[in-house]
Amino acid sequence: MGCAVHTTLEAGVAYTTADLQARYIRAMGATTGRVLAEGRVVHGGRRTATAEGRLFVESDETLIAHGSTGCIIFR
């Protein structure tokens, strides 16, 4: 999620996580297969940004975990 926020910033602009929430839906194991992570910026402001993310099984899109974050941007 932080990486999603990072992609919206100009070179040289820093950020840090202000809050983070994660929900673990199910366990992963040796037979889970390939797992993908997806992050999306919900709000990209001048001083703060928020993002959502999810972790899912590639083959059938079974949700493993999801979360949200708030970031402080240092300009």
PDB file of N, CA and C in Angstrom:
ATOM      1  N   MET A   1       0.835  -1.168   0.000  1.00  0.00           N
ATOM      2  CA  MET A   1       0.000   0.000   0.000  1.00  0.00           C
ATOM      3  C   MET A   1       0.887   1.242   0.000  1.00  0.00           C
ATOM      4  N   GLY A   2       1.946   1.195   0.797  1.00  0.00           N
ATOM      5  CA  GLY A   2       2.882   2.311   0.796  1.00  0.00           C
ATOM      6  C   GLY A   2       3.529   2.504  -0.563  1.00  0.00           C
ATOM      7  N   CYS A   3       3.815   1.409  -1.246  1.00  0.00           N
ATOM      8  CA  CYS A   3       4.403   1.516  -2.590  1.00  0.00           C
ATOM      9  C   CYS A   3       3.433   2.173  -3.566  1.00  0.00           C
ATOM     10  N   ALA A   4       2.139   1.908  -3.407  1.00  0.00           N
ATOM     11  CA  ALA A   4       1.141   2.557  -4.262  1.00  0.00           C
ATOM     12  C   ALA A   4       1.176   4.067  -4.049  1.00  0.00           C
ATOM     13  N   VAL A   5       1.249   4.491  -2.791  1.00  0.00           N
ATOM     14  CA  VAL A   5       1.352   5.925  -2.484  1.00  0.00           C
ATOM     15  C   VAL A   5       2.645   6.487  -3.060  1.00  0.00           C
ATOM     16  N   HIS A   6       3.737   5.754  -2.891  1.00  0.00           N
ATOM     17  CA  HIS A   6       5.047   6.215  -3.362  1.00  0.00           C
ATOM     18  C   HIS A   6       5.040   6.518  -4.863  1.00  0.00           C
ATOM     19  N   THR A   7       4.298   5.743  -5.642  1.00  0.00           N
ATOM     20  CA  THR A   7       4.271   5.962  -7.094  1.00  0.00           C
ATOM     21  C   THR A   7       3.618   7.276  -7.489  1.00  0.00           C
ATOM     22  N   THR A   8       2.883   7.910  -6.574  1.00  0.00           N
ATOM     23  CA  THR A   8       2.209   9.172  -6.897  1.00  0.00           C
ATOM     24  C   THR A   8       3.045  10.394  -6.547  1.00  0.00           C
ATOM     25  N   LEU A   9       4.194  10.188  -5.891  1.00  0.00           N
ATOM     26  CA  LEU A   9       5.006  11.310  -5.404  1.00  0.00           C
ATOM     27  C   LEU A   9       6.101  11.681  -6.388  1.00  0.00           C
ATOM     28  N   GLU A  10       6.461  12.953  -6.377  1.00  0.00           N
ATOM     29  CA  GLU A  10       7.571  13.418  -7.204  1.00  0.00           C
ATOM     30  C   GLU A  10       8.883  12.920  -6.593  1.00  0.00           C
ATOM     31  N   ALA A  11       9.918  12.887  -7.409  1.00  0.00           N
ATOM     32  CA  ALA A  11      11.243  12.479  -6.934  1.00  0.00           C
ATOM     33  C   ALA A  11      11.679  13.368  -5.767  1.00  0.00           C
ATOM     34  N   GLY A  12      12.225  12.760  -4.729  1.00  0.00           N
ATOM     35  CA  GLY A  12      12.728  13.500  -3.586  1.00  0.00           C
ATOM     36  C   GLY A  12      11.708  13.754  -2.490  1.00  0.00           C
ATOM     37  N   VAL A  13      10.437  13.424  -2.715  1.00  0.00           N
ATOM     38  CA  VAL A  13       9.393  13.625  -1.704  1.00  0.00           C
ATOM     39  C   VAL A  13       9.303  12.361  -0.860  1.00  0.00           C
ATOM     40  N   ALA A  14       9.322  12.526   0.464  1.00  0.00           N
ATOM     41  CA  ALA A  14       9.298  11.390   1.385  1.00  0.00           C
ATOM     42  C   ALA A  14       7.906  11.209   1.982  1.00  0.00           C
ATOM     43  N   TYR A  15       7.673  10.018   2.523  1.00  0.00           N
ATOM     44  CA  TYR A  15       6.411   9.728   3.199  1.00  0.00           C
ATOM     45  C   TYR A  15       6.665   8.711   4.303  1.00  0.00           C
ATOM     46  N   THR A  16       5.733   8.609   5.217  1.00  0.00           N
ATOM     47  CA  THR A  16       5.790   7.576   6.249  1.00  0.00           C
ATOM     48  C   THR A  16       4.376   7.114   6.564  1.00  0.00           C
ATOM     49  N   THR A  17       4.273   5.942   7.132  1.00  0.00           N
ATOM     50  CA  THR A  17       2.965   5.398   7.495  1.00  0.00           C
ATOM     51  C   THR A  17       2.461   6.043   8.772  1.00  0.00           C
ATOM     52  N   ALA A  18       1.242   6.551   8.745  1.00  0.00           N
ATOM     53  CA  ALA A  18       0.611   7.130   9.933  1.00  0.00           C
ATOM     54  C   ALA A  18      -0.232   6.082  10.650  1.00  0.00           C
ATOM     55  N   ASP A  19      -0.905   5.239   9.891  1.00  0.00           N
ATOM     56  CA  ASP A  19      -1.684   4.139  10.474  1.00  0.00           C
ATOM     57  C   ASP A  19      -1.783   3.016   9.460  1.00  0.00           C
ATOM     58  N   LEU A  20      -2.032   1.823   9.983  1.00  0.00           N
ATOM     59  CA  LEU A  20      -2.082   0.636   9.143  1.00  0.00           C
ATOM     60  C   LEU A  20      -3.075  -0.345   9.747  1.00  0.00           C
ATOM     61  N   GLN A  21      -3.956  -0.864   8.912  1.00  0.00           N
ATOM     62  CA  GLN A  21      -4.902  -1.882   9.359  1.00  0.00           C
ATOM     63  C   GLN A  21      -4.830  -3.048   8.392  1.00  0.00           C
ATOM     64  N   ALA A  22      -4.686  -4.260   8.938  1.00  0.00           N
ATOM     65  CA  ALA A  22      -4.629  -5.467   8.116  1.00  0.00           C
ATOM     66  C   ALA A  22      -5.632  -6.483   8.643  1.00  0.00           C
ATOM     67  N   ARG A  23      -6.315  -7.133   7.718  1.00  0.00           N
ATOM     68  CA  ARG A  23      -7.270  -8.197   8.048  1.00  0.00           C
ATOM     69  C   ARG A  23      -6.805  -9.472   7.355  1.00  0.00           C
ATOM     70  N   TYR A  24      -6.523 -10.485   8.146  1.00  0.00           N
ATOM     71  CA  TYR A  24      -6.087 -11.771   7.614  1.00  0.00           C
ATOM     72  C   TYR A  24      -7.304 -12.683   7.492  1.00  0.00           C
ATOM     73  N   ILE A  25      -7.621 -13.106   6.273  1.00  0.00           N
ATOM     74  CA  ILE A  25      -8.830 -13.856   5.997  1.00  0.00           C
ATOM     75  C   ILE A  25      -8.589 -15.365   6.071  1.00  0.00           C
ATOM     76  N   ARG A  26      -7.502 -15.825   5.467  1.00  0.00           N
ATOM     77  CA  ARG A  26      -7.195 -17.261   5.481  1.00  0.00           C
ATOM     78  C   ARG A  26      -5.690 -17.469   5.395  1.00  0.00           C
ATOM     79  N   ALA A  27      -5.278 -18.663   5.791  1.00  0.00           N
ATOM     80  CA  ALA A  27      -3.849 -18.995   5.800  1.00  0.00           C
ATOM     81  C   ALA A  27      -3.360 -19.362   4.397  1.00  0.00           C
ATOM     82  N   MET A  28      -2.054 -19.209   4.212  1.00  0.00           N
ATOM     83  CA  MET A  28      -1.405 -19.659   2.987  1.00  0.00           C
ATOM     84  C   MET A  28      -0.609 -20.910   3.335  1.00  0.00           C
ATOM     85  N   GLY A  29      -0.464 -21.796   2.367  1.00  0.00           N
ATOM     86  CA  GLY A  29       0.312 -23.014   2.583  1.00  0.00           C
ATOM     87  C   GLY A  29       1.103 -23.382   1.346  1.00  0.00           C
ATOM     88  N   ALA A  30       1.724 -24.545   1.393  1.00  0.00           N
ATOM     89  CA  ALA A  30       2.548 -25.016   0.282  1.00  0.00           C
ATOM     90  C   ALA A  30       1.723 -25.240  -0.981  1.00  0.00           C
ATOM     91  N   THR A  31       0.427 -25.480  -0.839  1.00  0.00           N
ATOM     92  CA  THR A  31      -0.432 -25.751  -2.003  1.00  0.00           C
ATOM     93  C   THR A  31      -1.238 -24.534  -2.461  1.00  0.00           C
ATOM     94  N   THR A  32      -1.003 -23.386  -1.846  1.00  0.00           N
ATOM     95  CA  THR A  32      -1.761 -22.178  -2.193  1.00  0.00           C
ATOM     96  C   THR A  32      -1.531 -21.747  -3.635  1.00  0.00           C
ATOM     97  N   GLY A  33      -0.331 -21.922  -4.123  1.00  0.00           N
ATOM     98  CA  GLY A  33       0.000 -21.475  -5.471  1.00  0.00           C
ATOM     99  C   GLY A  33       0.512 -20.041  -5.447  1.00  0.00           C
ATOM    100  N   ARG A  34       0.587 -19.461  -6.617  1.00  0.00           N
ATOM    101  CA  ARG A  34       1.112 -18.108  -6.758  1.00  0.00           C
ATOM    102  C   ARG A  34       0.151 -17.104  -6.126  1.00  0.00           C
ATOM    103  N   VAL A  35       0.730 -16.178  -5.348  1.00  0.00           N
ATOM    104  CA  VAL A  35      -0.046 -15.164  -4.634  1.00  0.00           C
ATOM    105  C   VAL A  35       0.336 -13.793  -5.175  1.00  0.00           C
ATOM    106  N   LEU A  36      -0.652 -12.940  -5.413  1.00  0.00           N
ATOM    107  CA  LEU A  36      -0.422 -11.589  -5.914  1.00  0.00           C
ATOM    108  C   LEU A  36      -0.838 -10.553  -4.873  1.00  0.00           C
ATOM    109  N   ALA A  37      -0.163  -9.428  -4.872  1.00  0.00           N
ATOM    110  CA  ALA A  37      -0.504  -8.295  -4.016  1.00  0.00           C
ATOM    111  C   ALA A  37      -0.895  -7.127  -4.913  1.00  0.00           C
ATOM    112  N   GLU A  38      -1.922  -6.414  -4.494  1.00  0.00           N
ATOM    113  CA  GLU A  38      -2.431  -5.284  -5.273  1.00  0.00           C
ATOM    114  C   GLU A  38      -2.633  -4.102  -4.337  1.00  0.00           C
ATOM    115  N   GLY A  39      -2.133  -2.945  -4.711  1.00  0.00           N
ATOM    116  CA  GLY A  39      -2.320  -1.724  -3.926  1.00  0.00           C
ATOM    117  C   GLY A  39      -2.958  -0.647  -4.782  1.00  0.00           C
ATOM    118  N   ARG A  40      -3.832   0.154  -4.166  1.00  0.00           N
ATOM    119  CA  ARG A  40      -4.528   1.213  -4.903  1.00  0.00           C
ATOM    120  C   ARG A  40      -4.638   2.445  -4.021  1.00  0.00           C
ATOM    121  N   VAL A  41      -4.257   3.599  -4.559  1.00  0.00           N
ATOM    122  CA  VAL A  41      -4.376   4.861  -3.829  1.00  0.00           C
ATOM    123  C   VAL A  41      -5.837   5.288  -3.851  1.00  0.00           C
ATOM    124  N   VAL A  42      -6.388   5.550  -2.679  1.00  0.00           N
ATOM    125  CA  VAL A  42      -7.767   6.021  -2.563  1.00  0.00           C
ATOM    126  C   VAL A  42      -7.796   7.541  -2.591  1.00  0.00           C
ATOM    127  N   HIS A  43      -6.833   8.150  -1.885  1.00  0.00           N
ATOM    128  CA  HIS A  43      -6.736   9.614  -1.838  1.00  0.00           C
ATOM    129  C   HIS A  43      -5.272   9.997  -1.851  1.00  0.00           C
ATOM    130  N   GLY A  44      -4.888  10.844  -2.769  1.00  0.00           N
ATOM    131  CA  GLY A  44      -3.524  11.341  -2.837  1.00  0.00           C
ATOM    132  C   GLY A  44      -3.525  12.850  -2.701  1.00  0.00           C
ATOM    133  N   GLY A  45      -3.391  13.331  -1.491  1.00  0.00           N
ATOM    134  CA  GLY A  45      -3.408  14.769  -1.241  1.00  0.00           C
ATOM    135  C   GLY A  45      -2.019  15.351  -1.128  1.00  0.00           C
ATOM    136  N   ARG A  46      -1.950  16.620  -0.774  1.00  0.00           N
ATOM    137  CA  ARG A  46      -0.659  17.289  -0.640  1.00  0.00           C
ATOM    138  C   ARG A  46       0.069  16.867   0.633  1.00  0.00           C
ATOM    139  N   ARG A  47      -0.670  16.663   1.725  1.00  0.00           N
ATOM    140  CA  ARG A  47      -0.044  16.320   3.007  1.00  0.00           C
ATOM    141  C   ARG A  47      -0.321  14.899   3.477  1.00  0.00           C
ATOM    142  N   THR A  48      -1.408  14.305   3.010  1.00  0.00           N
ATOM    143  CA  THR A  48      -1.737  12.936   3.399  1.00  0.00           C
ATOM    144  C   THR A  48      -2.195  12.138   2.188  1.00  0.00           C
ATOM    145  N   ALA A  49      -2.090  10.838   2.319  1.00  0.00           N
ATOM    146  CA  ALA A  49      -2.578   9.935   1.272  1.00  0.00           C
ATOM    147  C   ALA A  49      -3.119   8.684   1.960  1.00  0.00           C
ATOM    148  N   THR A  50      -4.102   8.050   1.343  1.00  0.00           N
ATOM    149  CA  THR A  50      -4.620   6.786   1.845  1.00  0.00           C
ATOM    150  C   THR A  50      -4.602   5.768   0.714  1.00  0.00           C
ATOM    151  N   ALA A  51      -4.478   4.503   1.104  1.00  0.00           N
ATOM    152  CA  ALA A  51      -4.434   3.432   0.106  1.00  0.00           C
ATOM    153  C   ALA A  51      -5.066   2.172   0.677  1.00  0.00           C
ATOM    154  N   GLU A  52      -5.491   1.313  -0.235  1.00  0.00           N
ATOM    155  CA  GLU A  52      -6.043   0.007   0.111  1.00  0.00           C
ATOM    156  C   GLU A  52      -5.204  -1.052  -0.586  1.00  0.00           C
ATOM    157  N   GLY A  53      -5.192  -2.238  -0.009  1.00  0.00           N
ATOM    158  CA  GLY A  53      -4.453  -3.325  -0.635  1.00  0.00           C
ATOM    159  C   GLY A  53      -5.122  -4.651  -0.381  1.00  0.00           C
ATOM    160  N   ARG A  54      -4.781  -5.620  -1.225  1.00  0.00           N
ATOM    161  CA  ARG A  54      -5.293  -6.970  -1.017  1.00  0.00           C
ATOM    162  C   ARG A  54      -4.263  -7.983  -1.498  1.00  0.00           C
ATOM    163  N   LEU A  55      -4.281  -9.130  -0.870  1.00  0.00           N
ATOM    164  CA  LEU A  55      -3.423 -10.256  -1.194  1.00  0.00           C
ATOM    165  C   LEU A  55      -4.352 -11.399  -1.598  1.00  0.00           C
ATOM    166  N   PHE A  56      -4.123 -11.977  -2.783  1.00  0.00           N
ATOM    167  CA  PHE A  56      -5.044 -12.990  -3.270  1.00  0.00           C
ATOM    168  C   PHE A  56      -4.332 -14.058  -4.086  1.00  0.00           C
ATOM    169  N   VAL A  57      -4.975 -15.210  -4.203  1.00  0.00           N
ATOM    170  CA  VAL A  57      -4.455 -16.317  -4.999  1.00  0.00           C
ATOM    171  C   VAL A  57      -4.681 -15.996  -6.472  1.00  0.00           C
ATOM    172  N   GLU A  58      -3.639 -16.113  -7.260  1.00  0.00           N
ATOM    173  CA  GLU A  58      -3.736 -15.747  -8.676  1.00  0.00           C
ATOM    174  C   GLU A  58      -4.742 -16.609  -9.444  1.00  0.00           C
ATOM    175  N   SER A  59      -4.758 -17.895  -9.207  1.00  0.00           N
ATOM    176  CA  SER A  59      -5.563 -18.800 -10.035  1.00  0.00           C
ATOM    177  C   SER A  59      -7.069 -18.586  -9.914  1.00  0.00           C
ATOM    178  N   ASP A  60      -7.549 -18.311  -8.708  1.00  0.00           N
ATOM    179  CA  ASP A  60      -9.008 -18.169  -8.543  1.00  0.00           C
ATOM    180  C   ASP A  60      -9.421 -16.907  -7.780  1.00  0.00           C
ATOM    181  N   GLU A  61      -8.454 -16.025  -7.528  1.00  0.00           N
ATOM    182  CA  GLU A  61      -8.672 -14.745  -6.839  1.00  0.00           C
ATOM    183  C   GLU A  61      -9.252 -14.900  -5.435  1.00  0.00           C
ATOM    184  N   THR A  62      -8.953 -16.031  -4.775  1.00  0.00           N
ATOM    185  CA  THR A  62      -9.358 -16.219  -3.387  1.00  0.00           C
ATOM    186  C   THR A  62      -8.632 -15.197  -2.521  1.00  0.00           C
ATOM    187  N   LEU A  63      -9.380 -14.445  -1.736  1.00  0.00           N
ATOM    188  CA  LEU A  63      -8.804 -13.406  -0.890  1.00  0.00           C
ATOM    189  C   LEU A  63      -8.092 -14.018   0.306  1.00  0.00           C
ATOM    190  N   ILE A  64      -6.856 -13.589   0.550  1.00  0.00           N
ATOM    191  CA  ILE A  64      -6.070 -14.053   1.693  1.00  0.00           C
ATOM    192  C   ILE A  64      -6.044 -12.984   2.777  1.00  0.00           C
ATOM    193  N   ALA A  65      -5.855 -11.730   2.371  1.00  0.00           N
ATOM    194  CA  ALA A  65      -5.808 -10.619   3.328  1.00  0.00           C
ATOM    195  C   ALA A  65      -6.119  -9.320   2.605  1.00  0.00           C
ATOM    196  N   HIS A  66      -6.566  -8.319   3.369  1.00  0.00           N
ATOM    197  CA  HIS A  66      -6.765  -6.985   2.804  1.00  0.00           C
ATOM    198  C   HIS A  66      -6.486  -5.966   3.898  1.00  0.00           C
ATOM    199  N   GLY A  67      -6.269  -4.726   3.499  1.00  0.00           N
ATOM    200  CA  GLY A  67      -5.963  -3.706   4.492  1.00  0.00           C
ATOM    201  C   GLY A  67      -6.051  -2.296   3.939  1.00  0.00           C
ATOM    202  N   SER A  68      -5.755  -1.354   4.826  1.00  0.00           N
ATOM    203  CA  SER A  68      -5.742   0.050   4.433  1.00  0.00           C
ATOM    204  C   SER A  68      -4.647   0.763   5.211  1.00  0.00           C
ATOM    205  N   THR A  69      -4.208   1.889   4.684  1.00  0.00           N
ATOM    206  CA  THR A  69      -3.159   2.661   5.334  1.00  0.00           C
ATOM    207  C   THR A  69      -3.393   4.154   5.108  1.00  0.00           C
ATOM    208  N   GLY A  70      -2.870   4.928   6.004  1.00  0.00           N
ATOM    209  CA  GLY A  70      -2.808   6.377   5.857  1.00  0.00           C
ATOM    210  C   GLY A  70      -1.354   6.798   5.927  1.00  0.00           C
ATOM    211  N   CYS A  71      -0.941   7.667   5.040  1.00  0.00           N
ATOM    212  CA  CYS A  71       0.463   8.106   4.989  1.00  0.00           C
ATOM    213  C   CYS A  71       0.557   9.621   5.130  1.00  0.00           C
ATOM    214  N   ILE A  72       1.617  10.065   5.784  1.00  0.00           N
ATOM    215  CA  ILE A  72       1.946  11.486   5.883  1.00  0.00           C
ATOM    216  C   ILE A  72       3.007  11.775   4.834  1.00  0.00           C
ATOM    217  N   ILE A  73       2.811  12.836   4.073  1.00  0.00           N
ATOM    218  CA  ILE A  73       3.744  13.201   3.012  1.00  0.00           C
ATOM    219  C   ILE A  73       4.572  14.397   3.472  1.00  0.00           C
ATOM    220  N   PHE A  74       5.893  14.277   3.307  1.00  0.00           N
ATOM    221  CA  PHE A  74       6.837  15.341   3.692  1.00  0.00           C
ATOM    222  C   PHE A  74       7.344  16.031   2.434  1.00  0.00           C
ATOM    223  N   ARG A  75       6.888  17.234   2.224  1.00  0.00           N
ATOM    224  CA  ARG A  75       7.320  18.006   1.048  1.00  0.00           C
ATOM    225  C   ARG A  75       8.354  19.044   1.430  1.00  0.00           C
TER     226      ARG A  75
END
